[in-house]
Amino acid sequence: MLSLLLSGCVSIPSSGNVQQGDPAPSDASSLDLDILVDPPIVDGTQQQILDGFLTAALSPRNNYQAAYEFLTPAFKEQWQADENATIDVLADREFEEVSDAQIRLTATPAASLRDNGQYEVATSAAPLPLEYDFEQIDGQWRIAGAPAGIVIDQANFTQVFREYTLYFFDPAYRFLVPDSRWFAGRDSAQTSVVQALLAGPAAWLAPGVTSAFPEGTELSPAAVPVSGRVAEVSLTGAAFDDTAAAQRMQLQLNQSLVGSVRNVGEVALILNGVESEAGVPANPAVRDPRVDPRPVVFDGESLGYLSTSGDGITPIPGISEQVAQSGATGAAIGPDAESAAILDASGVSVLTADADPVALDPRAGLITPAFDRAGIVWSVPAGAPADLAWFSADGQSNGRLTVPWSGTSIAAIEVSRDGTRLLALLGDGPRTYFLVAAISRDADGLPTALGTDVLRLAEVDGLPLDVAWVDGRSVVSLTRVAGDATRIVTQDLGGFASTRDGPSAGRLLDAGNSIRDVRVLTDAGSLVVQSGVGWQERANGIRFVASQLPG
């Protein structure tokens, strides 16, 4: 029998493509979980032993000690509980007796968890066969062979694992970039977080970020004790003689542990046996930069910030008039709102106050461009997702990059506000999916490559329309599903997706700084916001909404 003693737990539905629930609560103190499991049944059948093992694997206490009780002595030395996790749909599990000493579990994968805690949405719902071998030990059936890692259903996943956000830096150390991981075992969470920081960013994120921890740095002792709300992180393996690097290490640890891991309110950093007094940088990297909460809209006459009441637009000086004269159908606002990349009948160009337009991309069939904080404009034809190009805003530099995606069409792209990641919304036949790829840049900030590993996000049936960043770790997409009906998918990077019905005939998205700020522009020119279960008009007569960057 499985006993759960918990406070504030959450769960997610056991079926559906992307309709998972919200991740575990962000307040570390809100999760208080103990899982108690029974030992193997005396004279239990193979099926009873397997059922007990799968249940026992829900308890990470003492390195999954309860699950190991179901294994033969020899297999206890081989099985690695924390190597990975398969997250499946409980209702779809099927068991088959393959032989007198083997049972096959067929699971429907919903997601997987790598050994570094990285959550990945399953790219296929094809059945996954998992075989378990049995031997009798002193007349009792025990498991003698099993896949590495654990199998856990969706509903129990968030009761056993908790999401933690690690932070790395953009290459210029101006921004903190989030990297979500999931770890089990509340008592050892701080150790898991620090070990993951030292191991480096997730493979998909690594090309776009850097870490302050020198290569070869080790946690010694290999645990992070917490006393009086102070986590003691003792590192060895490097010289640690760079004050700036020590300050950045302290900042990474503070941001990744304090307020995230239960009972950690401060981090003491010890380098080669000596407590660091470097502190954090005087001008620390920014975490989750925010854009102006007002949407940037164009009504045919003015491009600017829509008032809170929705009845006025504050034009962007020097740019608004040029956009009105250009016949633009889409735009992205550049750094400090001093320029705009627009799409018009001639292609993509950049408008700057008191300067002539700079033509960048004359290709046909382009989508609305993306503008990043390094002053790079990104452009791609809707019908040729592989033909991605970038241009410096002055037109002096440009290039093509090999893309890490496939699809029949691409509807929208947008660069994260810290400049490290590119978000793309693609069509693949009758389905829509979106993904995030890291951006590698040279010393001048010019793109050199997109990461070959990507973080693939949710899929839905329908026609892709638009995509936007909500904040540093959340994105949102808009898809036309049937007739004028639309669907909005909100996705936590490295976590769950949730869906909701969008407004009728929606076509463009604006996300602001939170899920509550999401706005949709309809074909009729109405900018609507969610109000309860419906959508309420905030402004009308709008031609398009433009993405923007933090000031």
Protein backbone atom coordinates (compact mmCIF):
# COMPACT_ATOMS: atom_id res chain seq x y z
CA MET A 1 0.00 0.00 0.00
CA LEU A 2 1.26 3.46 -0.94
CA SER A 3 0.85 6.24 1.59
CA LEU A 4 1.25 9.91 0.69
CA LEU A 5 1.69 12.51 3.39
CA LEU A 6 1.75 15.79 1.55
CA SER A 7 0.82 19.43 1.65
CA GLY A 8 0.03 21.52 -1.40
CA CYS A 9 0.67 18.77 -3.94
CA VAL A 10 -0.38 19.17 -7.56
CA SER A 11 -1.27 16.72 -10.31
CA ILE A 12 -1.61 16.58 -14.05
CA PRO A 13 -4.19 14.78 -16.23
CA SER A 14 -3.41 11.25 -17.30
CA SER A 15 -4.29 11.70 -20.97
CA GLY A 16 -4.14 14.20 -23.79
CA ASN A 17 -1.39 15.54 -26.00
CA VAL A 18 -0.44 18.73 -24.20
CA GLN A 19 -3.04 19.23 -21.51
CA GLN A 20 -0.74 18.69 -18.60
CA GLY A 21 -1.27 20.69 -15.45
CA ASP A 22 0.92 23.27 -13.86
CA PRO A 23 4.28 22.21 -12.44
CA ALA A 24 5.02 21.92 -8.76
CA PRO A 25 4.56 25.05 -6.68
CA SER A 26 7.36 27.60 -6.92
CA ASP A 27 7.43 28.11 -3.17
CA ALA A 28 9.82 25.46 -1.91
CA SER A 29 8.18 25.37 1.50
CA SER A 30 4.79 24.45 0.01
CA LEU A 31 5.86 20.91 -0.86
CA ASP A 32 6.04 18.53 2.07
CA LEU A 33 6.06 14.95 0.85
CA ASP A 34 6.77 11.56 2.36
CA ILE A 35 6.09 8.33 0.50
CA LEU A 36 5.89 5.11 2.46
CA VAL A 37 5.78 1.78 0.61
CA ASP A 38 5.30 -1.80 1.70
CA PRO A 39 8.07 -4.38 1.32
CA PRO A 40 7.72 -7.28 -1.14
CA ILE A 41 4.73 -9.52 -0.48
CA VAL A 42 5.72 -12.87 0.99
CA ASP A 43 5.14 -15.59 -1.62
CA GLY A 44 4.05 -12.89 -4.07
CA THR A 45 3.57 -13.67 -7.74
CA GLN A 46 5.81 -12.14 -10.39
CA GLN A 47 3.07 -9.63 -11.21
CA GLN A 48 2.67 -8.68 -7.56
CA ILE A 49 6.41 -8.20 -7.21
CA LEU A 50 6.50 -6.06 -10.35
CA ASP A 51 3.55 -3.98 -9.17
CA GLY A 52 5.24 -3.51 -5.82
CA PHE A 53 8.50 -2.53 -7.48
CA LEU A 54 6.83 0.09 -9.68
CA THR A 55 5.11 1.53 -6.62
CA ALA A 56 8.29 1.44 -4.52
CA ALA A 57 10.13 3.35 -7.24
CA LEU A 58 7.92 6.33 -6.37
CA SER A 59 9.90 6.74 -3.16
CA PRO A 60 13.35 8.30 -3.66
CA ARG A 61 14.13 8.15 0.06
CA ASN A 62 17.61 6.76 0.82
CA ASN A 63 18.42 6.48 -2.88
CA TYR A 64 15.33 4.39 -3.70
CA GLN A 65 16.07 1.87 -0.97
CA ALA A 66 12.48 0.55 -1.02
CA ALA A 67 12.67 -0.29 -4.73
CA TYR A 68 15.97 -2.14 -4.32
CA GLU A 69 14.25 -4.57 -1.92
CA PHE A 70 12.42 -6.05 -4.93
CA LEU A 71 15.67 -6.92 -6.76
CA THR A 72 17.93 -9.95 -6.61
CA PRO A 73 21.21 -9.40 -4.73
CA ALA A 74 23.16 -9.50 -7.99
CA PHE A 75 20.89 -7.03 -9.79
CA LYS A 76 20.98 -4.62 -6.86
CA GLU A 77 24.60 -3.99 -7.84
CA GLN A 78 23.64 -3.17 -11.45
CA TRP A 79 20.37 -1.26 -11.47
CA GLN A 80 20.66 2.54 -11.49
CA ALA A 81 17.45 4.09 -10.23
CA ASP A 82 18.41 7.67 -11.01
CA GLU A 83 19.76 7.12 -14.52
CA ASN A 84 16.54 8.34 -16.13
CA ALA A 85 12.78 8.23 -15.82
CA THR A 86 10.03 7.29 -18.24
CA ILE A 87 6.86 9.26 -17.57
CA ASP A 88 3.86 7.39 -18.92
CA VAL A 89 0.06 7.31 -19.01
CA LEU A 90 -1.06 5.04 -16.19
CA ALA A 91 -4.35 4.04 -17.83
CA ASP A 92 -2.52 2.80 -20.93
CA ARG A 93 -0.19 0.36 -19.16
CA GLU A 94 -0.41 -3.23 -20.36
CA PHE A 95 1.33 -6.29 -18.90
CA GLU A 96 2.16 -9.47 -20.80
CA GLU A 97 3.69 -12.69 -19.48
CA VAL A 98 6.40 -13.34 -22.07
CA SER A 99 7.81 -16.48 -20.44
CA ASP A 100 7.92 -18.27 -17.12
CA ALA A 101 10.47 -15.70 -15.93
CA GLN A 102 9.68 -12.50 -17.82
CA ILE A 103 6.89 -9.91 -17.90
CA ARG A 104 6.70 -7.16 -20.50
CA LEU A 105 5.23 -3.81 -19.53
CA THR A 106 4.05 -1.78 -22.51
CA ALA A 107 3.87 1.91 -21.66
CA THR A 108 2.68 4.97 -23.55
CA PRO A 109 5.41 7.59 -23.05
CA ALA A 110 4.34 11.14 -22.28
CA ALA A 111 7.80 12.45 -21.43
CA SER A 112 11.19 11.40 -20.15
CA LEU A 113 13.64 12.66 -17.59
CA ARG A 114 17.37 12.52 -18.26
CA ASP A 115 19.85 11.70 -15.53
CA ASN A 116 20.65 15.43 -15.27
CA GLY A 117 17.02 16.21 -14.43
CA GLN A 118 16.10 17.56 -17.86
CA TYR A 119 12.42 17.01 -18.72
CA GLU A 120 11.70 16.20 -22.36
CA VAL A 121 8.30 15.92 -24.01
CA ALA A 122 7.92 12.60 -25.84
CA THR A 123 8.25 13.02 -29.60
CA SER A 124 6.23 9.87 -30.22
CA ALA A 125 3.34 8.16 -28.46
CA ALA A 126 4.32 4.79 -29.92
CA PRO A 127 4.13 2.00 -27.31
CA LEU A 128 7.33 1.47 -25.35
CA PRO A 129 8.08 -2.17 -24.40
CA LEU A 130 9.88 -2.64 -21.07
CA GLU A 131 10.95 -6.12 -20.03
CA TYR A 132 11.42 -7.40 -16.47
CA ASP A 133 13.18 -10.69 -15.69
CA PHE A 134 12.58 -12.71 -12.53
CA GLU A 135 14.50 -15.19 -10.40
CA GLN A 136 13.61 -16.97 -7.21
CA ILE A 137 15.74 -16.15 -4.18
CA ASP A 138 15.07 -18.44 -1.22
CA GLY A 139 11.72 -19.32 -2.77
CA GLN A 140 10.69 -15.68 -3.32
CA TRP A 141 10.39 -14.01 -6.73
CA ARG A 142 12.70 -11.04 -7.23
CA ILE A 143 13.51 -8.91 -10.25
CA ALA A 144 16.76 -9.96 -11.94
CA GLY A 145 16.64 -7.63 -14.91
CA ALA A 146 14.92 -4.31 -15.63
CA PRO A 147 15.43 -1.16 -17.69
CA ALA A 148 17.65 1.48 -16.09
CA GLY A 149 15.78 4.21 -14.29
CA ILE A 150 12.20 4.28 -13.10
CA VAL A 151 8.77 4.27 -14.71
CA ILE A 152 6.40 6.81 -13.20
CA ASP A 153 2.95 7.87 -14.32
CA GLN A 154 2.05 11.47 -15.06
CA ALA A 155 -0.18 11.89 -12.02
CA ASN A 156 2.54 10.84 -9.59
CA PHE A 157 5.41 12.64 -11.29
CA THR A 158 4.84 16.01 -9.64
CA GLN A 159 4.33 14.33 -6.28
CA VAL A 160 7.77 12.73 -6.43
CA PHE A 161 9.79 15.23 -8.47
CA ARG A 162 10.03 18.96 -8.06
CA GLU A 163 11.12 21.56 -10.58
CA TYR A 164 14.19 23.68 -9.85
CA THR A 165 15.57 26.48 -11.99
CA LEU A 166 19.32 26.59 -12.49
CA TYR A 167 20.86 29.80 -13.79
CA PHE A 168 23.71 30.28 -16.24
CA PHE A 169 24.95 33.42 -18.03
CA ASP A 170 24.75 34.79 -21.51
CA PRO A 171 28.29 35.00 -22.97
CA ALA A 172 28.62 38.68 -21.98
CA TYR A 173 27.52 38.03 -18.36
CA ARG A 174 24.73 40.57 -18.69
CA PHE A 175 21.83 38.19 -18.13
CA LEU A 176 20.97 35.13 -16.08
CA VAL A 177 19.53 32.40 -18.29
CA PRO A 178 17.19 29.80 -16.74
CA ASP A 179 17.61 26.05 -17.16
CA SER A 180 14.81 23.99 -15.59
CA ARG A 181 15.54 20.61 -13.99
CA TRP A 182 13.51 18.10 -12.00
CA PHE A 183 14.89 16.29 -8.95
CA ALA A 184 13.45 13.82 -6.47
CA GLY A 185 14.39 13.72 -2.81
CA ARG A 186 13.62 16.91 -0.92
CA ASP A 187 16.42 16.40 1.61
CA SER A 188 19.12 16.30 -1.08
CA ALA A 189 17.72 18.89 -3.48
CA GLN A 190 20.45 21.44 -2.76
CA THR A 191 23.12 18.84 -3.57
CA SER A 192 21.38 17.88 -6.81
CA VAL A 193 21.13 21.53 -7.86
CA VAL A 194 24.81 22.27 -7.18
CA GLN A 195 25.99 19.10 -8.90
CA ALA A 196 23.88 19.99 -11.92
CA LEU A 197 25.34 23.52 -11.98
CA LEU A 198 28.86 22.11 -11.97
CA ALA A 199 27.98 19.65 -14.74
CA GLY A 200 26.87 22.56 -16.91
CA PRO A 201 23.79 23.57 -18.89
CA ALA A 202 21.46 21.17 -20.65
CA ALA A 203 22.78 20.01 -24.02
CA TRP A 204 20.23 22.03 -25.97
CA LEU A 205 21.06 25.25 -24.08
CA ALA A 206 24.85 24.90 -23.85
CA PRO A 207 25.80 26.60 -27.16
CA GLY A 208 24.15 29.85 -26.07
CA VAL A 209 25.29 30.25 -22.47
CA THR A 210 28.30 30.05 -20.19
CA SER A 211 28.99 29.21 -16.55
CA ALA A 212 31.23 30.88 -13.98
CA PHE A 213 32.44 27.53 -12.61
CA PRO A 214 35.83 26.55 -14.07
CA GLU A 215 36.14 23.21 -15.81
CA GLY A 216 37.13 20.50 -13.37
CA THR A 217 35.42 22.11 -10.38
CA GLU A 218 34.19 19.48 -7.92
CA LEU A 219 31.89 19.49 -4.93
CA SER A 220 33.96 18.25 -1.99
CA PRO A 221 32.56 16.84 0.18
CA ALA A 222 29.99 15.61 -2.35
CA ALA A 223 27.05 17.05 -0.45
CA VAL A 224 25.65 20.46 0.45
CA PRO A 225 24.75 20.64 4.14
CA VAL A 226 22.22 23.22 5.30
CA SER A 227 22.40 24.69 8.79
CA GLY A 228 20.46 27.68 10.00
CA ARG A 229 19.15 28.21 6.45
CA VAL A 230 22.72 28.55 5.15
CA ALA A 231 23.76 26.11 2.43
CA GLU A 232 27.50 25.38 2.55
CA VAL A 233 28.95 24.77 -0.93
CA SER A 234 32.57 23.60 -0.78
CA LEU A 235 34.38 23.50 -4.12
CA THR A 236 37.80 22.20 -5.15
CA GLY A 237 39.61 21.37 -8.37
CA ALA A 238 40.55 24.84 -9.63
CA ALA A 239 42.67 27.83 -8.61
CA PHE A 240 39.68 30.15 -7.96
CA ASP A 241 41.97 33.20 -7.97
CA ASP A 242 39.72 35.37 -10.15
CA THR A 243 37.56 37.65 -8.00
CA ALA A 244 35.08 38.35 -10.81
CA ALA A 245 34.65 34.61 -11.41
CA ALA A 246 34.11 34.00 -7.69
CA GLN A 247 31.45 36.71 -7.60
CA ARG A 248 29.68 35.15 -10.56
CA MET A 249 29.82 31.70 -8.97
CA GLN A 250 28.24 33.17 -5.85
CA LEU A 251 25.53 34.79 -7.96
CA GLN A 252 24.77 31.55 -9.81
CA LEU A 253 24.48 29.67 -6.55
CA ASN A 254 22.33 32.33 -4.91
CA GLN A 255 19.91 32.48 -7.82
CA SER A 256 19.69 28.70 -8.19
CA LEU A 257 19.27 27.83 -4.50
CA VAL A 258 17.81 30.71 -2.48
CA GLY A 259 14.03 30.76 -2.63
CA SER A 260 13.97 27.58 -4.69
CA VAL A 261 15.32 24.92 -2.36
CA ARG A 262 13.49 24.46 0.91
CA ASN A 263 15.17 25.95 3.99
CA VAL A 264 17.93 27.69 1.99
CA GLY A 265 18.05 31.43 2.59
CA GLU A 266 21.77 32.02 2.06
CA VAL A 267 24.75 30.33 0.39
CA ALA A 268 28.24 30.13 1.88
CA LEU A 269 30.79 29.51 -0.89
CA ILE A 270 34.00 27.77 0.19
CA LEU A 271 36.82 27.62 -2.36
CA ASN A 272 39.66 25.20 -1.66
CA GLY A 273 38.81 25.25 2.03
CA VAL A 274 38.55 29.04 2.40
CA GLU A 275 35.20 30.81 2.61
CA SER A 276 34.85 33.32 -0.20
CA GLU A 277 34.32 36.95 0.74
CA ALA A 278 34.02 38.13 -2.86
CA GLY A 279 30.25 38.56 -2.67
CA VAL A 280 28.31 39.11 -5.87
CA PRO A 281 29.12 41.51 -8.74
CA ALA A 282 28.43 45.18 -8.08
CA ASN A 283 26.32 45.20 -11.23
CA PRO A 284 24.91 41.68 -11.26
CA ALA A 285 23.51 40.01 -14.33
CA VAL A 286 19.80 40.65 -14.85
CA ARG A 287 17.35 37.84 -14.24
CA ASP A 288 14.24 37.76 -16.44
CA PRO A 289 14.40 41.19 -18.14
CA ARG A 290 10.97 42.71 -18.65
CA VAL A 291 9.45 44.55 -21.57
CA ASP A 292 7.14 47.55 -21.42
CA PRO A 293 3.79 46.16 -20.22
CA ARG A 294 1.98 48.14 -22.91
CA PRO A 295 1.60 46.32 -26.23
CA VAL A 296 3.11 47.92 -29.33
CA VAL A 297 0.40 48.19 -31.97
CA PHE A 298 -0.14 49.73 -35.41
CA ASP A 299 -3.55 51.07 -36.39
CA GLY A 300 -2.70 52.22 -39.90
CA GLU A 301 -1.58 55.66 -38.77
CA SER A 302 0.57 55.23 -35.66
CA LEU A 303 2.97 52.59 -34.37
CA GLY A 304 3.38 52.84 -30.63
CA TYR A 305 2.32 51.87 -27.15
CA LEU A 306 -1.35 51.22 -26.57
CA SER A 307 -2.75 53.02 -23.54
CA THR A 308 -4.12 51.06 -20.61
CA SER A 309 -7.64 52.17 -21.51
CA GLY A 310 -7.11 51.02 -25.09
CA ASP A 311 -8.27 54.31 -26.62
CA GLY A 312 -4.92 55.89 -27.49
CA ILE A 313 -1.48 55.13 -28.93
CA THR A 314 1.76 56.81 -27.87
CA PRO A 315 3.81 56.85 -31.11
CA ILE A 316 7.43 55.70 -31.13
CA PRO A 317 9.30 58.88 -32.17
CA GLY A 318 10.94 58.85 -35.58
CA ILE A 319 9.66 55.38 -36.44
CA SER A 320 5.88 55.61 -36.30
CA GLU A 321 5.63 57.92 -39.30
CA GLN A 322 7.93 55.75 -41.41
CA VAL A 323 5.91 52.63 -40.65
CA ALA A 324 2.71 54.39 -41.65
CA GLN A 325 4.27 55.36 -44.98
CA SER A 326 5.75 51.93 -45.66
CA GLY A 327 2.59 49.85 -45.85
CA ALA A 328 4.09 47.43 -43.33
CA THR A 329 2.13 44.31 -42.43
CA GLY A 330 4.27 43.30 -39.47
CA ALA A 331 7.11 44.60 -37.31
CA ALA A 332 9.53 43.85 -34.48
CA ILE A 333 10.82 46.66 -32.29
CA GLY A 334 14.59 46.84 -31.82
CA PRO A 335 16.73 47.58 -28.75
CA ASP A 336 15.63 50.64 -26.76
CA ALA A 337 12.79 51.17 -29.27
CA GLU A 338 15.18 53.15 -31.48
CA SER A 339 14.53 51.05 -34.58
CA ALA A 340 12.06 48.59 -36.05
CA ALA A 341 12.38 45.67 -38.44
CA ILE A 342 9.35 45.67 -40.72
CA LEU A 343 7.77 43.41 -43.30
CA ASP A 344 6.22 45.09 -46.31
CA ALA A 345 5.67 44.35 -49.99
CA SER A 346 9.40 44.69 -50.74
CA GLY A 347 10.54 42.31 -48.00
CA VAL A 348 12.23 42.97 -44.66
CA SER A 349 13.93 46.27 -43.84
CA VAL A 350 15.00 48.28 -40.80
CA LEU A 351 13.67 51.72 -39.96
CA THR A 352 15.61 54.06 -37.69
CA ALA A 353 14.78 57.60 -36.64
CA ASP A 354 16.40 60.28 -38.82
CA ALA A 355 17.82 57.72 -41.26
CA ASP A 356 16.87 56.13 -44.54
CA PRO A 357 15.37 52.63 -44.44
CA VAL A 358 17.90 49.79 -44.73
CA ALA A 359 16.70 47.00 -47.01
CA LEU A 360 17.78 43.61 -45.70
CA ASP A 361 15.85 40.69 -47.17
CA PRO A 362 14.00 40.97 -50.50
CA ARG A 363 12.88 37.33 -50.68
CA ALA A 364 9.23 36.55 -51.36
CA GLY A 365 6.87 34.97 -48.85
CA LEU A 366 8.68 36.13 -45.71
CA ILE A 367 7.17 36.02 -42.25
CA THR A 368 7.36 38.93 -39.80
CA PRO A 369 11.03 39.26 -38.79
CA ALA A 370 12.48 38.93 -35.31
CA PHE A 371 14.78 41.55 -33.75
CA ASP A 372 17.20 40.67 -30.95
CA ARG A 373 19.00 42.78 -28.37
CA ALA A 374 22.33 42.42 -30.23
CA GLY A 375 20.79 44.33 -33.13
CA ILE A 376 20.34 41.27 -35.32
CA VAL A 377 17.29 40.84 -37.55
CA TRP A 378 16.13 37.28 -38.29
CA SER A 379 14.14 36.44 -41.41
CA VAL A 380 12.76 33.31 -43.08
CA PRO A 381 10.19 32.49 -45.79
CA ALA A 382 6.99 30.88 -44.52
CA GLY A 383 7.22 28.05 -47.04
CA ALA A 384 10.94 27.37 -46.60
CA PRO A 385 11.67 26.80 -42.89
CA ALA A 386 15.27 25.80 -43.62
CA ASP A 387 16.16 29.12 -45.29
CA LEU A 388 16.78 31.12 -42.13
CA ALA A 389 18.92 34.24 -42.54
CA TRP A 390 20.22 36.91 -40.18
CA PHE A 391 21.24 40.51 -40.84
CA SER A 392 22.90 43.23 -38.80
CA ALA A 393 20.54 46.18 -38.51
CA ASP A 394 22.89 48.38 -40.56
CA GLY A 395 22.96 45.83 -43.37
CA GLN A 396 26.74 45.42 -43.21
CA SER A 397 26.75 41.79 -42.07
CA ASN A 398 24.52 38.84 -42.84
CA GLY A 399 24.56 35.08 -43.00
CA ARG A 400 22.62 31.84 -43.29
CA LEU A 401 22.48 29.25 -40.53
CA THR A 402 21.79 25.55 -40.68
CA VAL A 403 18.53 25.02 -38.84
CA PRO A 404 17.96 22.17 -36.37
CA TRP A 405 14.31 21.70 -37.32
CA SER A 406 12.16 20.25 -40.06
CA GLY A 407 8.65 21.05 -41.18
CA THR A 408 6.50 22.04 -44.11
CA SER A 409 6.07 25.66 -42.99
CA ILE A 410 7.18 28.16 -40.39
CA ALA A 411 4.77 30.74 -39.01
CA ALA A 412 6.75 32.78 -36.50
CA ILE A 413 10.12 33.24 -34.83
CA GLU A 414 11.16 35.28 -31.80
CA VAL A 415 14.45 35.63 -29.91
CA SER A 416 14.47 35.48 -26.11
CA ARG A 417 14.90 38.79 -24.33
CA ASP A 418 18.40 37.80 -23.17
CA GLY A 419 19.41 37.01 -26.77
CA THR A 420 20.44 33.40 -26.10
CA ARG A 421 17.58 31.38 -27.61
CA LEU A 422 15.48 31.33 -30.77
CA LEU A 423 11.84 30.24 -30.57
CA ALA A 424 10.19 28.89 -33.72
CA LEU A 425 6.61 27.83 -34.50
CA LEU A 426 6.40 25.30 -37.31
CA GLY A 427 3.83 23.38 -39.27
CA ASP A 428 4.43 19.73 -40.07
CA GLY A 429 1.59 18.53 -42.25
CA PRO A 430 -1.62 18.79 -40.21
CA ARG A 431 0.18 19.48 -36.93
CA THR A 432 1.77 22.46 -35.24
CA TYR A 433 4.79 22.30 -32.96
CA PHE A 434 7.25 24.73 -31.51
CA LEU A 435 10.81 24.45 -30.29
CA VAL A 436 13.68 26.43 -28.84
CA ALA A 437 17.29 26.38 -30.06
CA ALA A 438 20.33 28.04 -28.51
CA ILE A 439 22.15 30.76 -30.46
CA SER A 440 25.95 30.72 -30.69
CA ARG A 441 27.54 34.12 -31.36
CA ASP A 442 30.99 35.52 -31.99
CA ALA A 443 32.67 38.24 -29.90
CA ASP A 444 30.73 40.91 -31.80
CA GLY A 445 27.37 39.30 -31.10
CA LEU A 446 26.92 38.03 -34.65
CA PRO A 447 25.23 34.61 -34.88
CA THR A 448 27.50 31.73 -35.88
CA ALA A 449 25.22 28.72 -35.38
CA LEU A 450 22.07 27.35 -33.86
CA GLY A 451 22.44 24.46 -31.46
CA THR A 452 21.93 21.07 -33.09
CA ASP A 453 20.10 19.80 -30.00
CA VAL A 454 16.77 21.55 -29.51
CA LEU A 455 14.14 21.66 -26.82
CA ARG A 456 11.08 20.39 -28.62
CA LEU A 457 7.85 21.61 -27.10
CA ALA A 458 4.16 20.73 -27.37
CA GLU A 459 2.31 19.65 -30.51
CA VAL A 460 -1.31 20.27 -31.47
CA ASP A 461 -3.39 19.66 -34.58
CA GLY A 462 -4.00 22.77 -36.63
CA LEU A 463 -2.50 25.69 -38.54
CA PRO A 464 0.37 27.55 -36.82
CA LEU A 465 -0.20 31.29 -36.43
CA ASP A 466 2.07 33.02 -33.93
CA VAL A 467 4.41 32.55 -31.00
CA ALA A 468 5.84 34.76 -28.24
CA TRP A 469 8.09 34.76 -25.19
CA VAL A 470 6.22 35.29 -21.94
CA ASP A 471 9.36 35.52 -19.81
CA GLY A 472 12.74 33.82 -19.60
CA ARG A 473 11.32 30.34 -19.16
CA SER A 474 7.82 30.39 -20.65
CA VAL A 475 6.51 30.69 -24.19
CA VAL A 476 3.07 30.74 -25.77
CA SER A 477 1.73 29.79 -29.20
CA LEU A 478 -1.46 30.38 -31.16
CA THR A 479 -2.91 27.78 -33.54
CA ARG A 480 -6.02 27.74 -35.75
CA VAL A 481 -7.70 24.41 -35.06
CA ALA A 482 -11.04 24.30 -36.90
CA GLY A 483 -12.85 27.02 -38.79
CA ASP A 484 -12.22 30.22 -36.85
CA ALA A 485 -11.50 28.41 -33.57
CA THR A 486 -8.04 28.87 -32.07
CA ARG A 487 -6.01 27.23 -29.36
CA ILE A 488 -3.38 28.77 -27.10
CA VAL A 489 -0.58 26.58 -25.76
CA THR A 490 1.51 27.86 -22.87
CA GLN A 491 4.75 25.96 -22.33
CA ASP A 492 7.28 26.06 -19.52
CA LEU A 493 10.70 25.34 -21.01
CA GLY A 494 11.78 22.07 -19.46
CA GLY A 495 8.35 21.55 -17.94
CA PHE A 496 4.68 21.18 -18.74
CA ALA A 497 2.34 22.62 -21.33
CA SER A 498 -1.23 23.75 -20.83
CA THR A 499 -3.87 24.58 -23.42
CA ARG A 500 -6.89 26.81 -23.52
CA ASP A 501 -9.32 27.96 -26.17
CA GLY A 502 -8.29 31.18 -27.87
CA PRO A 503 -10.61 33.83 -29.31
CA SER A 504 -12.45 33.23 -32.54
CA ALA A 505 -10.42 34.23 -35.62
CA GLY A 506 -7.32 35.10 -33.60
CA ARG A 507 -4.18 35.60 -35.70
CA LEU A 508 -1.40 37.33 -33.70
CA LEU A 509 -0.08 37.11 -30.13
CA ASP A 510 1.41 39.55 -27.66
CA ALA A 511 2.56 38.17 -24.32
CA GLY A 512 3.76 41.07 -22.17
CA ASN A 513 5.51 39.73 -19.05
CA SER A 514 3.16 37.03 -17.75
CA ILE A 515 0.49 34.58 -18.81
CA ARG A 516 -2.10 37.06 -17.53
CA ASP A 517 -0.78 39.62 -20.02
CA VAL A 518 -1.38 37.49 -23.14
CA ARG A 519 -3.29 39.43 -25.78
CA VAL A 520 -4.59 38.20 -29.13
CA LEU A 521 -5.32 40.21 -32.27
CA THR A 522 -8.24 38.92 -34.33
CA ASP A 523 -8.83 39.06 -38.07
CA ALA A 524 -11.34 41.85 -37.43
CA GLY A 525 -8.67 44.05 -35.82
CA SER A 526 -9.80 43.57 -32.23
CA LEU A 527 -7.12 43.24 -29.58
CA VAL A 528 -8.61 41.00 -26.90
CA VAL A 529 -7.55 39.85 -23.44
CA GLN A 530 -8.82 36.92 -21.43
CA SER A 531 -11.55 37.74 -18.95
CA GLY A 532 -12.74 34.75 -16.96
CA VAL A 533 -13.59 32.03 -19.45
CA GLY A 534 -14.02 34.45 -22.35
CA TRP A 535 -12.15 37.13 -24.26
CA GLN A 536 -12.80 40.84 -23.85
CA GLU A 537 -11.99 43.53 -26.42
CA ARG A 538 -9.43 46.07 -25.31
CA ALA A 539 -8.99 47.99 -28.57
CA ASN A 540 -10.16 47.81 -32.16
CA GLY A 541 -8.95 48.99 -35.54
CA ILE A 542 -5.53 47.41 -34.98
CA ARG A 543 -3.57 46.22 -38.03
CA PHE A 544 -0.84 44.32 -36.18
CA VAL A 545 0.98 43.96 -32.86
CA ALA A 546 4.79 44.11 -32.75
CA SER A 547 7.21 42.23 -30.53
CA GLN A 548 9.44 44.37 -28.32
CA LEU A 549 12.63 44.13 -26.29
CA PRO A 550 13.47 45.27 -22.76
CA GLY A 551 14.76 48.82 -22.47
